[in-house]
């Protein structure tokens, strides 16, 4: 059977879970975790781009941008969010750049199976 996914904060001294936040419905498999440049939100992909406010984590995740997406990365210098889409593993992927507010800045075709974006410094 499947269980509901959670993001957990682990106490580094006791190694116990001190916070558990719902990250989707039963059978879903969240992936690709990133932190916004201001450190206020956690972003993760659960087909859609989901966001959790770290100051109010118990309120749970909300959809930030509709997918389907495969990975999320954040440019810490600009705050821009990069998402990849992978239609299959024989077709080119897309890389979509969003502003920190979630508006599309650009989109480009990438290689097959693009699974990360690393900003240039």
PDB file of N, CA and C in Angstrom:
ATOM      1  N   UNK A   1       0.801  -1.177   0.000  1.00  0.00           N
ATOM      2  CA  UNK A   1       0.000   0.000   0.000  1.00  0.00           C
ATOM      3  C   UNK A   1       0.855   1.256   0.000  1.00  0.00           C
ATOM      4  N   UNK A   2       0.196   2.334  -0.189  1.00  0.00           N
ATOM      5  CA  UNK A   2       0.843   3.637  -0.204  1.00  0.00           C
ATOM      6  C   UNK A   2       0.527   4.392   1.075  1.00  0.00           C
ATOM      7  N   UNK A   3       1.383   5.328   1.402  1.00  0.00           N
ATOM      8  CA  UNK A   3       1.140   6.221   2.529  1.00  0.00           C
ATOM      9  C   UNK A   3       1.151   7.655   2.008  1.00  0.00           C
ATOM     10  N   UNK A   4       0.685   8.572   2.822  1.00  0.00           N
ATOM     11  CA  UNK A   4       0.738   9.983   2.455  1.00  0.00           C
ATOM     12  C   UNK A   4       2.161  10.498   2.613  1.00  0.00           C
ATOM     13  N   UNK A   5       2.647  11.332   1.690  1.00  0.00           N
ATOM     14  CA  UNK A   5       4.009  11.851   1.803  1.00  0.00           C
ATOM     15  C   UNK A   5       4.091  13.015   2.794  1.00  0.00           C
ATOM     16  N   UNK A   6       5.228  13.119   3.448  1.00  0.00           N
ATOM     17  CA  UNK A   6       5.481  14.187   4.404  1.00  0.00           C
ATOM     18  C   UNK A   6       6.891  14.723   4.217  1.00  0.00           C
ATOM     19  N   UNK A   7       7.076  15.990   4.522  1.00  0.00           N
ATOM     20  CA  UNK A   7       8.405  16.560   4.691  1.00  0.00           C
ATOM     21  C   UNK A   7       8.629  16.609   6.190  1.00  0.00           C
ATOM     22  N   UNK A   8       9.779  16.169   6.626  1.00  0.00           N
ATOM     23  CA  UNK A   8      10.060  16.104   8.055  1.00  0.00           C
ATOM     24  C   UNK A   8      11.287  16.924   8.407  1.00  0.00           C
ATOM     25  N   UNK A   9      11.215  17.613   9.541  1.00  0.00           N
ATOM     26  CA  UNK A   9      12.376  18.294  10.091  1.00  0.00           C
ATOM     27  C   UNK A   9      12.905  17.406  11.203  1.00  0.00           C
ATOM     28  N   UNK A  10      14.201  17.120  11.141  1.00  0.00           N
ATOM     29  CA  UNK A  10      14.826  16.224  12.109  1.00  0.00           C
ATOM     30  C   UNK A  10      15.737  17.027  13.024  1.00  0.00           C
ATOM     31  N   UNK A  11      15.559  16.835  14.312  1.00  0.00           N
ATOM     32  CA  UNK A  11      16.398  17.485  15.308  1.00  0.00           C
ATOM     33  C   UNK A  11      17.802  16.899  15.197  1.00  0.00           C
ATOM     34  N   UNK A  12      18.829  17.728  14.937  1.00  0.00           N
ATOM     35  CA  UNK A  12      20.179  17.201  14.730  1.00  0.00           C
ATOM     36  C   UNK A  12      20.839  16.660  15.997  1.00  0.00           C
ATOM     37  N   UNK A  13      20.314  17.002  17.149  1.00  0.00           N
ATOM     38  CA  UNK A  13      20.896  16.497  18.392  1.00  0.00           C
ATOM     39  C   UNK A  13      20.290  15.168  18.815  1.00  0.00           C
ATOM     40  N   UNK A  14      18.975  15.044  18.640  1.00  0.00           N
ATOM     41  CA  UNK A  14      18.297  13.823  19.095  1.00  0.00           C
ATOM     42  C   UNK A  14      17.956  12.882  17.943  1.00  0.00           C
ATOM     43  N   UNK A  15      18.069  13.366  16.723  1.00  0.00           N
ATOM     44  CA  UNK A  15      17.701  12.622  15.518  1.00  0.00           C
ATOM     45  C   UNK A  15      16.229  12.217  15.505  1.00  0.00           C
ATOM     46  N   UNK A  16      15.417  12.928  16.261  1.00  0.00           N
ATOM     47  CA  UNK A  16      13.984  12.652  16.256  1.00  0.00           C
ATOM     48  C   UNK A  16      13.279  13.655  15.343  1.00  0.00           C
ATOM     49  N   UNK A  17      12.145  13.256  14.816  1.00  0.00           N
ATOM     50  CA  UNK A  17      11.341  14.127  13.968  1.00  0.00           C
ATOM     51  C   UNK A  17      10.621  15.120  14.867  1.00  0.00           C
ATOM     52  N   UNK A  18      10.889  16.414  14.663  1.00  0.00           N
ATOM     53  CA  UNK A  18      10.211  17.404  15.507  1.00  0.00           C
ATOM     54  C   UNK A  18       9.161  18.203  14.741  1.00  0.00           C
ATOM     55  N   UNK A  19       9.037  17.983  13.419  1.00  0.00           N
ATOM     56  CA  UNK A  19       7.982  18.602  12.642  1.00  0.00           C
ATOM     57  C   UNK A  19       7.710  17.722  11.431  1.00  0.00           C
ATOM     58  N   UNK A  20       6.449  17.477  11.155  1.00  0.00           N
ATOM     59  CA  UNK A  20       6.044  16.666  10.016  1.00  0.00           C
ATOM     60  C   UNK A  20       4.938  17.426   9.286  1.00  0.00           C
ATOM     61  N   UNK A  21       5.163  17.721   7.999  1.00  0.00           N
ATOM     62  CA  UNK A  21       4.242  18.521   7.210  1.00  0.00           C
ATOM     63  C   UNK A  21       3.758  17.701   6.021  1.00  0.00           C
ATOM     64  N   UNK A  22       2.458  17.696   5.800  1.00  0.00           N
ATOM     65  CA  UNK A  22       1.892  16.981   4.661  1.00  0.00           C
ATOM     66  C   UNK A  22       2.449  17.545   3.360  1.00  0.00           C
ATOM     67  N   UNK A  23       2.814  16.656   2.446  1.00  0.00           N
ATOM     68  CA  UNK A  23       3.389  17.071   1.163  1.00  0.00           C
ATOM     69  C   UNK A  23       2.654  16.425  -0.007  1.00  0.00           C
ATOM     70  N   UNK A  24       1.377  16.146   0.177  1.00  0.00           N
ATOM     71  CA  UNK A  24       0.597  15.566  -0.906  1.00  0.00           C
ATOM     72  C   UNK A  24      -0.377  14.529  -0.404  1.00  0.00           C
ATOM     73  N   UNK A  25      -1.014  13.869  -1.352  1.00  0.00           N
ATOM     74  CA  UNK A  25      -2.028  12.865  -1.048  1.00  0.00           C
ATOM     75  C   UNK A  25      -1.421  11.465  -1.084  1.00  0.00           C
ATOM     76  N   UNK A  26      -2.158  10.528  -0.554  1.00  0.00           N
ATOM     77  CA  UNK A  26      -1.716   9.133  -0.533  1.00  0.00           C
ATOM     78  C   UNK A  26      -1.336   8.680  -1.936  1.00  0.00           C
ATOM     79  N   UNK A  27      -0.173   8.061  -2.053  1.00  0.00           N
ATOM     80  CA  UNK A  27       0.296   7.548  -3.334  1.00  0.00           C
ATOM     81  C   UNK A  27       1.105   8.532  -4.154  1.00  0.00           C
ATOM     82  N   UNK A  28       1.154   9.810  -3.760  1.00  0.00           N
ATOM     83  CA  UNK A  28       1.969  10.780  -4.485  1.00  0.00           C
ATOM     84  C   UNK A  28       3.419  10.679  -4.022  1.00  0.00           C
ATOM     85  N   UNK A  29       4.328  11.114  -4.878  1.00  0.00           N
ATOM     86  CA  UNK A  29       5.752  10.966  -4.610  1.00  0.00           C
ATOM     87  C   UNK A  29       6.484  12.280  -4.864  1.00  0.00           C
ATOM     88  N   UNK A  30       6.489  13.198  -3.902  1.00  0.00           N
ATOM     89  CA  UNK A  30       7.194  14.474  -4.089  1.00  0.00           C
ATOM     90  C   UNK A  30       8.685  14.265  -4.349  1.00  0.00           C
ATOM     91  N   UNK A  31       9.260  15.204  -5.076  1.00  0.00           N
ATOM     92  CA  UNK A  31      10.686  15.127  -5.398  1.00  0.00           C
ATOM     93  C   UNK A  31      11.236  16.528  -5.554  1.00  0.00           C
ATOM     94  N   UNK A  32      12.522  16.651  -5.624  1.00  0.00           N
ATOM     95  CA  UNK A  32      13.233  17.877  -5.960  1.00  0.00           C
ATOM     96  C   UNK A  32      12.886  19.047  -5.039  1.00  0.00           C
ATOM     97  N   UNK A  33      13.540  19.112  -3.913  1.00  0.00           N
ATOM     98  CA  UNK A  33      13.321  20.136  -2.899  1.00  0.00           C
ATOM     99  C   UNK A  33      14.287  21.303  -3.094  1.00  0.00           C
ATOM    100  N   UNK A  34      13.787  22.542  -2.957  1.00  0.00           N
ATOM    101  CA  UNK A  34      14.614  23.744  -3.046  1.00  0.00           C
ATOM    102  C   UNK A  34      14.100  24.761  -2.033  1.00  0.00           C
ATOM    103  N   UNK A  35      14.957  25.716  -1.684  1.00  0.00           N
ATOM    104  CA  UNK A  35      14.592  26.796  -0.771  1.00  0.00           C
ATOM    105  C   UNK A  35      14.636  28.101  -1.553  1.00  0.00           C
ATOM    106  N   UNK A  36      13.639  28.963  -1.347  1.00  0.00           N
ATOM    107  CA  UNK A  36      13.639  30.253  -2.030  1.00  0.00           C
ATOM    108  C   UNK A  36      14.839  31.079  -1.566  1.00  0.00           C
ATOM    109  N   UNK A  37      15.225  32.054  -2.375  1.00  0.00           N
ATOM    110  CA  UNK A  37      16.423  32.845  -2.081  1.00  0.00           C
ATOM    111  C   UNK A  37      16.324  33.585  -0.751  1.00  0.00           C
ATOM    112  N   UNK A  38      15.112  33.986  -0.354  1.00  0.00           N
ATOM    113  CA  UNK A  38      14.958  34.684   0.923  1.00  0.00           C
ATOM    114  C   UNK A  38      14.814  33.727   2.104  1.00  0.00           C
ATOM    115  N   UNK A  39      14.800  32.424   1.831  1.00  0.00           N
ATOM    116  CA  UNK A  39      14.717  31.419   2.890  1.00  0.00           C
ATOM    117  C   UNK A  39      13.346  31.290   3.526  1.00  0.00           C
ATOM    118  N   UNK A  40      12.334  31.917   2.942  1.00  0.00           N
ATOM    119  CA  UNK A  40      11.000  31.922   3.543  1.00  0.00           C
ATOM    120  C   UNK A  40      10.116  30.747   3.135  1.00  0.00           C
ATOM    121  N   UNK A  41      10.446  30.117   2.008  1.00  0.00           N
ATOM    122  CA  UNK A  41       9.590  29.039   1.507  1.00  0.00           C
ATOM    123  C   UNK A  41      10.413  27.843   1.060  1.00  0.00           C
ATOM    124  N   UNK A  42       9.830  26.662   1.246  1.00  0.00           N
ATOM    125  CA  UNK A  42      10.350  25.441   0.651  1.00  0.00           C
ATOM    126  C   UNK A  42       9.539  25.179  -0.606  1.00  0.00           C
ATOM    127  N   UNK A  43      10.204  24.817  -1.676  1.00  0.00           N
ATOM    128  CA  UNK A  43       9.552  24.468  -2.931  1.00  0.00           C
ATOM    129  C   UNK A  43       9.841  23.006  -3.220  1.00  0.00           C
ATOM    130  N   UNK A  44       8.847  22.299  -3.717  1.00  0.00           N
ATOM    131  CA  UNK A  44       9.095  20.929  -4.162  1.00  0.00           C
ATOM    132  C   UNK A  44       8.134  20.595  -5.294  1.00  0.00           C
ATOM    133  N   UNK A  45       8.515  19.580  -6.065  1.00  0.00           N
ATOM    134  CA  UNK A  45       7.706  19.145  -7.190  1.00  0.00           C
ATOM    135  C   UNK A  45       6.911  17.926  -6.772  1.00  0.00           C
ATOM    136  N   UNK A  46       5.620  18.012  -6.978  1.00  0.00           N
ATOM    137  CA  UNK A  46       4.717  16.882  -6.797  1.00  0.00           C
ATOM    138  C   UNK A  46       3.812  16.902  -8.019  1.00  0.00           C
ATOM    139  N   UNK A  47       4.423  16.774  -9.181  1.00  0.00           N
ATOM    140  CA  UNK A  47       3.892  17.048 -10.505  1.00  0.00           C
ATOM    141  C   UNK A  47       3.729  18.556 -10.677  1.00  0.00           C
ATOM    142  N   UNK A  48       2.998  19.223  -9.795  1.00  0.00           N
ATOM    143  CA  UNK A  48       2.922  20.675  -9.779  1.00  0.00           C
ATOM    144  C   UNK A  48       4.044  21.212  -8.899  1.00  0.00           C
ATOM    145  N   UNK A  49       4.301  22.512  -8.980  1.00  0.00           N
ATOM    146  CA  UNK A  49       5.253  23.133  -8.069  1.00  0.00           C
ATOM    147  C   UNK A  49       4.499  23.518  -6.804  1.00  0.00           C
ATOM    148  N   UNK A  50       4.930  22.987  -5.690  1.00  0.00           N
ATOM    149  CA  UNK A  50       4.275  23.213  -4.411  1.00  0.00           C
ATOM    150  C   UNK A  50       5.163  24.101  -3.540  1.00  0.00           C
ATOM    151  N   UNK A  51       4.529  24.845  -2.622  1.00  0.00           N
ATOM    152  CA  UNK A  51       5.259  25.772  -1.764  1.00  0.00           C
ATOM    153  C   UNK A  51       4.773  25.603  -0.325  1.00  0.00           C
ATOM    154  N   UNK A  52       5.730  25.641   0.611  1.00  0.00           N
ATOM    155  CA  UNK A  52       5.423  25.622   2.041  1.00  0.00           C
ATOM    156  C   UNK A  52       6.098  26.823   2.679  1.00  0.00           C
ATOM    157  N   UNK A  53       5.325  27.654   3.352  1.00  0.00           N
ATOM    158  CA  UNK A  53       5.853  28.796   4.102  1.00  0.00           C
ATOM    159  C   UNK A  53       6.517  28.250   5.367  1.00  0.00           C
ATOM    160  N   UNK A  54       7.826  28.454   5.527  1.00  0.00           N
ATOM    161  CA  UNK A  54       8.529  27.863   6.669  1.00  0.00           C
ATOM    162  C   UNK A  54       8.095  28.468   8.002  1.00  0.00           C
ATOM    163  N   UNK A  55       7.555  29.694   7.988  1.00  0.00           N
ATOM    164  CA  UNK A  55       7.111  30.293   9.248  1.00  0.00           C
ATOM    165  C   UNK A  55       5.745  29.770   9.670  1.00  0.00           C
ATOM    166  N   UNK A  56       5.033  29.104   8.753  1.00  0.00           N
ATOM    167  CA  UNK A  56       3.719  28.548   9.054  1.00  0.00           C
ATOM    168  C   UNK A  56       3.603  27.175   8.403  1.00  0.00           C
ATOM    169  N   UNK A  57       4.604  26.332   8.633  1.00  0.00           N
ATOM    170  CA  UNK A  57       4.698  25.044   7.951  1.00  0.00           C
ATOM    171  C   UNK A  57       3.499  24.144   8.223  1.00  0.00           C
ATOM    172  N   UNK A  58       2.889  24.268   9.379  1.00  0.00           N
ATOM    173  CA  UNK A  58       1.769  23.392   9.712  1.00  0.00           C
ATOM    174  C   UNK A  58       0.546  23.637   8.832  1.00  0.00           C
ATOM    175  N   UNK A  59       0.510  24.778   8.151  1.00  0.00           N
ATOM    176  CA  UNK A  59      -0.615  25.024   7.248  1.00  0.00           C
ATOM    177  C   UNK A  59      -0.523  24.143   6.006  1.00  0.00           C
ATOM    178  N   UNK A  60       0.638  23.538   5.764  1.00  0.00           N
ATOM    179  CA  UNK A  60       0.802  22.594   4.661  1.00  0.00           C
ATOM    180  C   UNK A  60       1.216  23.250   3.365  1.00  0.00           C
ATOM    181  N   UNK A  61       1.292  22.429   2.346  1.00  0.00           N
ATOM    182  CA  UNK A  61       1.759  22.870   1.029  1.00  0.00           C
ATOM    183  C   UNK A  61       0.604  23.420   0.203  1.00  0.00           C
ATOM    184  N   UNK A  62       0.896  24.435  -0.595  1.00  0.00           N
ATOM    185  CA  UNK A  62      -0.069  24.989  -1.542  1.00  0.00           C
ATOM    186  C   UNK A  62       0.550  24.961  -2.932  1.00  0.00           C
ATOM    187  N   UNK A  63      -0.297  24.823  -3.946  1.00  0.00           N
ATOM    188  CA  UNK A  63       0.218  24.819  -5.311  1.00  0.00           C
ATOM    189  C   UNK A  63       0.676  26.227  -5.683  1.00  0.00           C
ATOM    190  N   UNK A  64       1.892  26.324  -6.209  1.00  0.00           N
ATOM    191  CA  UNK A  64       2.471  27.605  -6.609  1.00  0.00           C
ATOM    192  C   UNK A  64       2.397  27.777  -8.122  1.00  0.00           C
ATOM    193  N   UNK A  65       2.555  26.686  -8.863  1.00  0.00           N
ATOM    194  CA  UNK A  65       2.520  26.737 -10.317  1.00  0.00           C
ATOM    195  C   UNK A  65       2.146  25.356 -10.848  1.00  0.00           C
ATOM    196  N   UNK A  66       1.218  25.326 -11.806  1.00  0.00           N
ATOM    197  CA  UNK A  66       0.758  24.056 -12.355  1.00  0.00           C
ATOM    198  C   UNK A  66       1.781  23.416 -13.262  1.00  0.00           C
ATOM    199  N   UNK A  67       1.909  22.102 -13.182  1.00  0.00           N
ATOM    200  CA  UNK A  67       2.899  21.342 -13.928  1.00  0.00           C
ATOM    201  C   UNK A  67       2.311  20.677 -15.154  1.00  0.00           C
ATOM    202  N   UNK A  68       2.862  19.581 -15.561  1.00  0.00           N
ATOM    203  CA  UNK A  68       3.773  18.715 -14.800  1.00  0.00           C
ATOM    204  C   UNK A  68       5.233  19.146 -14.899  1.00  0.00           C
ATOM    205  N   UNK A  69       5.894  19.155 -13.765  1.00  0.00           N
ATOM    206  CA  UNK A  69       7.311  19.481 -13.674  1.00  0.00           C
ATOM    207  C   UNK A  69       8.068  18.281 -13.137  1.00  0.00           C
ATOM    208  N   UNK A  70       9.380  18.305 -13.357  1.00  0.00           N
ATOM    209  CA  UNK A  70      10.232  17.207 -12.910  1.00  0.00           C
ATOM    210  C   UNK A  70      11.182  17.648 -11.805  1.00  0.00           C
ATOM    211  N   UNK A  71      11.790  18.825 -11.950  1.00  0.00           N
ATOM    212  CA  UNK A  71      12.707  19.327 -10.919  1.00  0.00           C
ATOM    213  C   UNK A  71      12.491  20.815 -10.696  1.00  0.00           C
ATOM    214  N   UNK A  72      12.964  21.300  -9.530  1.00  0.00           N
ATOM    215  CA  UNK A  72      12.936  22.719  -9.209  1.00  0.00           C
ATOM    216  C   UNK A  72      14.303  23.117  -8.658  1.00  0.00           C
ATOM    217  N   UNK A  73      14.790  24.268  -9.083  1.00  0.00           N
ATOM    218  CA  UNK A  73      16.033  24.848  -8.574  1.00  0.00           C
ATOM    219  C   UNK A  73      15.817  26.350  -8.441  1.00  0.00           C
ATOM    220  N   UNK A  74      16.554  26.993  -7.546  1.00  0.00           N
ATOM    221  CA  UNK A  74      16.423  28.429  -7.314  1.00  0.00           C
ATOM    222  C   UNK A  74      17.783  29.095  -7.477  1.00  0.00           C
ATOM    223  N   UNK A  75      17.803  30.210  -8.188  1.00  0.00           N
ATOM    224  CA  UNK A  75      19.019  31.019  -8.289  1.00  0.00           C
ATOM    225  C   UNK A  75      19.074  31.894  -7.040  1.00  0.00           C
ATOM    226  N   UNK A  76      20.032  31.662  -6.136  1.00  0.00           N
ATOM    227  CA  UNK A  76      20.071  32.432  -4.892  1.00  0.00           C
ATOM    228  C   UNK A  76      20.386  33.914  -5.102  1.00  0.00           C
ATOM    229  N   UNK A  77      20.991  34.260  -6.228  1.00  0.00           N
ATOM    230  CA  UNK A  77      21.330  35.665  -6.486  1.00  0.00           C
ATOM    231  C   UNK A  77      20.119  36.479  -6.940  1.00  0.00           C
ATOM    232  N   UNK A  78      19.248  35.873  -7.746  1.00  0.00           N
ATOM    233  CA  UNK A  78      18.102  36.604  -8.297  1.00  0.00           C
ATOM    234  C   UNK A  78      16.776  36.203  -7.675  1.00  0.00           C
ATOM    235  N   UNK A  79      16.726  35.024  -7.091  1.00  0.00           N
ATOM    236  CA  UNK A  79      15.468  34.496  -6.567  1.00  0.00           C
ATOM    237  C   UNK A  79      14.624  33.813  -7.623  1.00  0.00           C
ATOM    238  N   UNK A  80      15.079  33.824  -8.884  1.00  0.00           N
ATOM    239  CA  UNK A  80      14.316  33.181  -9.939  1.00  0.00           C
ATOM    240  C   UNK A  80      14.279  31.679  -9.724  1.00  0.00           C
ATOM    241  N   UNK A  81      13.168  31.089 -10.144  1.00  0.00           N
ATOM    242  CA  UNK A  81      12.910  29.667  -9.962  1.00  0.00           C
ATOM    243  C   UNK A  81      13.021  29.002 -11.328  1.00  0.00           C
ATOM    244  N   UNK A  82      13.716  27.876 -11.377  1.00  0.00           N
ATOM    245  CA  UNK A  82      13.872  27.122 -12.615  1.00  0.00           C
ATOM    246  C   UNK A  82      13.202  25.770 -12.464  1.00  0.00           C
ATOM    247  N   UNK A  83      12.385  25.411 -13.455  1.00  0.00           N
ATOM    248  CA  UNK A  83      11.672  24.144 -13.467  1.00  0.00           C
ATOM    249  C   UNK A  83      12.047  23.389 -14.731  1.00  0.00           C
ATOM    250  N   UNK A  84      12.118  22.074 -14.629  1.00  0.00           N
ATOM    251  CA  UNK A  84      12.307  21.271 -15.827  1.00  0.00           C
ATOM    252  C   UNK A  84      11.072  20.426 -16.058  1.00  0.00           C
ATOM    253  N   UNK A  85      10.803  20.183 -17.327  1.00  0.00           N
ATOM    254  CA  UNK A  85       9.749  19.251 -17.714  1.00  0.00           C
ATOM    255  C   UNK A  85      10.407  18.137 -18.514  1.00  0.00           C
ATOM    256  N   UNK A  86       9.931  16.940 -18.317  1.00  0.00           N
ATOM    257  CA  UNK A  86      10.459  15.807 -19.074  1.00  0.00           C
ATOM    258  C   UNK A  86       9.261  15.043 -19.628  1.00  0.00           C
ATOM    259  N   UNK A  87       8.941  15.273 -20.911  1.00  0.00           N
ATOM    260  CA  UNK A  87       7.772  14.603 -21.472  1.00  0.00           C
ATOM    261  C   UNK A  87       7.948  13.082 -21.543  1.00  0.00           C
ATOM    262  N   UNK A  88       9.168  12.659 -21.820  1.00  0.00           N
ATOM    263  CA  UNK A  88       9.547  11.241 -21.852  1.00  0.00           C
ATOM    264  C   UNK A  88      11.069  11.228 -21.930  1.00  0.00           C
ATOM    265  N   UNK A  89      11.663  10.082 -22.081  1.00  0.00           N
ATOM    266  CA  UNK A  89      13.116  10.036 -22.095  1.00  0.00           C
ATOM    267  C   UNK A  89      13.691   9.847 -23.497  1.00  0.00           C
ATOM    268  N   UNK A  90      12.937  10.306 -24.504  1.00  0.00           N
ATOM    269  CA  UNK A  90      13.449  10.331 -25.876  1.00  0.00           C
ATOM    270  C   UNK A  90      13.219  11.690 -26.530  1.00  0.00           C
ATOM    271  N   UNK A  91      12.478  12.576 -25.855  1.00  0.00           N
ATOM    272  CA  UNK A  91      12.186  13.912 -26.380  1.00  0.00           C
ATOM    273  C   UNK A  91      12.919  14.962 -25.559  1.00  0.00           C
ATOM    274  N   UNK A  92      13.189  16.133 -26.157  1.00  0.00           N
ATOM    275  CA  UNK A  92      13.856  17.195 -25.395  1.00  0.00           C
ATOM    276  C   UNK A  92      13.016  17.670 -24.208  1.00  0.00           C
ATOM    277  N   UNK A  93      13.706  18.057 -23.169  1.00  0.00           N
ATOM    278  CA  UNK A  93      13.078  18.647 -21.984  1.00  0.00           C
ATOM    279  C   UNK A  93      12.913  20.141 -22.213  1.00  0.00           C
ATOM    280  N   UNK A  94      12.159  20.774 -21.337  1.00  0.00           N
ATOM    281  CA  UNK A  94      12.065  22.222 -21.320  1.00  0.00           C
ATOM    282  C   UNK A  94      12.559  22.714 -19.975  1.00  0.00           C
ATOM    283  N   UNK A  95      13.183  23.893 -19.983  1.00  0.00           N
ATOM    284  CA  UNK A  95      13.549  24.584 -18.746  1.00  0.00           C
ATOM    285  C   UNK A  95      12.732  25.866 -18.727  1.00  0.00           C
ATOM    286  N   UNK A  96      11.965  26.046 -17.663  1.00  0.00           N
ATOM    287  CA  UNK A  96      11.098  27.206 -17.516  1.00  0.00           C
ATOM    288  C   UNK A  96      11.635  28.043 -16.366  1.00  0.00           C
ATOM    289  N   UNK A  97      11.845  29.321 -16.628  1.00  0.00           N
ATOM    290  CA  UNK A  97      12.328  30.243 -15.598  1.00  0.00           C
ATOM    291  C   UNK A  97      11.148  31.092 -15.130  1.00  0.00           C
ATOM    292  N   UNK A  98      10.912  31.092 -13.811  1.00  0.00           N
ATOM    293  CA  UNK A  98       9.872  31.910 -13.208  1.00  0.00           C
ATOM    294  C   UNK A  98      10.511  32.985 -12.349  1.00  0.00           C
ATOM    295  N   UNK A  99       9.854  34.131 -12.232  1.00  0.00           N
ATOM    296  CA  UNK A  99      10.281  35.114 -11.243  1.00  0.00           C
ATOM    297  C   UNK A  99       9.946  34.555  -9.864  1.00  0.00           C
ATOM    298  N   UNK A 100      10.456  35.182  -8.821  1.00  0.00           N
ATOM    299  CA  UNK A 100      10.155  34.699  -7.473  1.00  0.00           C
ATOM    300  C   UNK A 100       8.668  34.822  -7.156  1.00  0.00           C
ATOM    301  N   UNK A 101       7.935  35.635  -7.932  1.00  0.00           N
ATOM    302  CA  UNK A 101       6.486  35.775  -7.777  1.00  0.00           C
ATOM    303  C   UNK A 101       5.707  34.732  -8.564  1.00  0.00           C
ATOM    304  N   UNK A 102       6.411  33.932  -9.371  1.00  0.00           N
ATOM    305  CA  UNK A 102       5.754  32.873 -10.123  1.00  0.00           C
ATOM    306  C   UNK A 102       5.377  33.206 -11.549  1.00  0.00           C
ATOM    307  N   UNK A 103       5.836  34.353 -12.065  1.00  0.00           N
ATOM    308  CA  UNK A 103       5.546  34.712 -13.449  1.00  0.00           C
ATOM    309  C   UNK A 103       6.624  34.161 -14.374  1.00  0.00           C
ATOM    310  N   UNK A 104       6.222  33.687 -15.550  1.00  0.00           N
ATOM    311  CA  UNK A 104       7.172  33.119 -16.506  1.00  0.00           C
ATOM    312  C   UNK A 104       8.075  34.220 -17.036  1.00  0.00           C
ATOM    313  N   UNK A 105       9.397  33.998 -16.917  1.00  0.00           N
ATOM    314  CA  UNK A 105      10.415  34.909 -17.441  1.00  0.00           C
ATOM    315  C   UNK A 105      10.889  34.413 -18.798  1.00  0.00           C
ATOM    316  N   UNK A 106      11.139  33.108 -18.898  1.00  0.00           N
ATOM    317  CA  UNK A 106      11.605  32.537 -20.156  1.00  0.00           C
ATOM    318  C   UNK A 106      11.401  31.027 -20.134  1.00  0.00           C
ATOM    319  N   UNK A 107      11.493  30.448 -21.305  1.00  0.00           N
ATOM    320  CA  UNK A 107      11.443  28.987 -21.447  1.00  0.00           C
ATOM    321  C   UNK A 107      12.342  28.611 -22.618  1.00  0.00           C
ATOM    322  N   UNK A 108      13.134  27.578 -22.423  1.00  0.00           N
ATOM    323  CA  UNK A 108      14.029  27.109 -23.477  1.00  0.00           C
ATOM    324  C   UNK A 108      13.977  25.591 -23.541  1.00  0.00           C
ATOM    325  N   UNK A 109      14.266  25.076 -24.729  1.00  0.00           N
ATOM    326  CA  UNK A 109      14.362  23.636 -24.896  1.00  0.00           C
ATOM    327  C   UNK A 109      15.733  23.192 -24.423  1.00  0.00           C
ATOM    328  N   UNK A 110      15.777  22.073 -23.727  1.00  0.00           N
ATOM    329  CA  UNK A 110      17.046  21.540 -23.215  1.00  0.00           C
ATOM    330  C   UNK A 110      17.236  20.125 -23.756  1.00  0.00           C
ATOM    331  N   UNK A 111      18.264  19.476 -23.295  1.00  0.00           N
ATOM    332  CA  UNK A 111      18.535  18.116 -23.730  1.00  0.00           C
ATOM    333  C   UNK A 111      17.521  17.128 -23.181  1.00  0.00           C
ATOM    334  N   UNK A 112      17.708  15.887 -23.507  1.00  0.00           N
ATOM    335  CA  UNK A 112      16.812  14.824 -23.062  1.00  0.00           C
ATOM    336  C   UNK A 112      17.052  14.545 -21.581  1.00  0.00           C
ATOM    337  N   UNK A 113      15.979  14.496 -20.819  1.00  0.00           N
ATOM    338  CA  UNK A 113      16.060  14.136 -19.398  1.00  0.00           C
ATOM    339  C   UNK A 113      16.738  15.164 -18.516  1.00  0.00           C
ATOM    340  N   UNK A 114      16.572  16.450 -18.793  1.00  0.00           N
ATOM    341  CA  UNK A 114      17.193  17.488 -17.956  1.00  0.00           C
ATOM    342  C   UNK A 114      16.675  17.353 -16.526  1.00  0.00           C
ATOM    343  N   UNK A 115      17.593  17.207 -15.573  1.00  0.00           N
ATOM    344  CA  UNK A 115      17.140  16.974 -14.205  1.00  0.00           C
ATOM    345  C   UNK A 115      17.707  17.954 -13.193  1.00  0.00           C
ATOM    346  N   UNK A 116      18.302  19.050 -13.645  1.00  0.00           N
ATOM    347  CA  UNK A 116      18.777  20.088 -12.727  1.00  0.00           C
ATOM    348  C   UNK A 116      19.130  21.339 -13.538  1.00  0.00           C
ATOM    349  N   UNK A 117      19.053  22.482 -12.857  1.00  0.00           N
ATOM    350  CA  UNK A 117      19.495  23.744 -13.432  1.00  0.00           C
ATOM    351  C   UNK A 117      20.474  24.349 -12.445  1.00  0.00           C
ATOM    352  N   UNK A 118      21.651  24.695 -12.911  1.00  0.00           N
ATOM    353  CA  UNK A 118      22.679  25.286 -12.047  1.00  0.00           C
ATOM    354  C   UNK A 118      22.944  26.697 -12.557  1.00  0.00           C
ATOM    355  N   UNK A 119      22.537  27.712 -11.780  1.00  0.00           N
ATOM    356  CA  UNK A 119      22.750  29.102 -12.218  1.00  0.00           C
ATOM    357  C   UNK A 119      24.232  29.425 -12.360  1.00  0.00           C
ATOM    358  N   UNK A 120      24.558  30.281 -13.336  1.00  0.00           N
ATOM    359  CA  UNK A 120      25.932  30.730 -13.551  1.00  0.00           C
ATOM    360  C   UNK A 120      26.218  31.897 -12.615  1.00  0.00           C
ATOM    361  N   UNK A 121      27.365  31.882 -11.982  1.00  0.00           N
ATOM    362  CA  UNK A 121      27.750  32.970 -11.066  1.00  0.00           C
ATOM    363  C   UNK A 121      28.874  33.770 -11.652  1.00  0.00           C
TER     364      UNK A 121
END
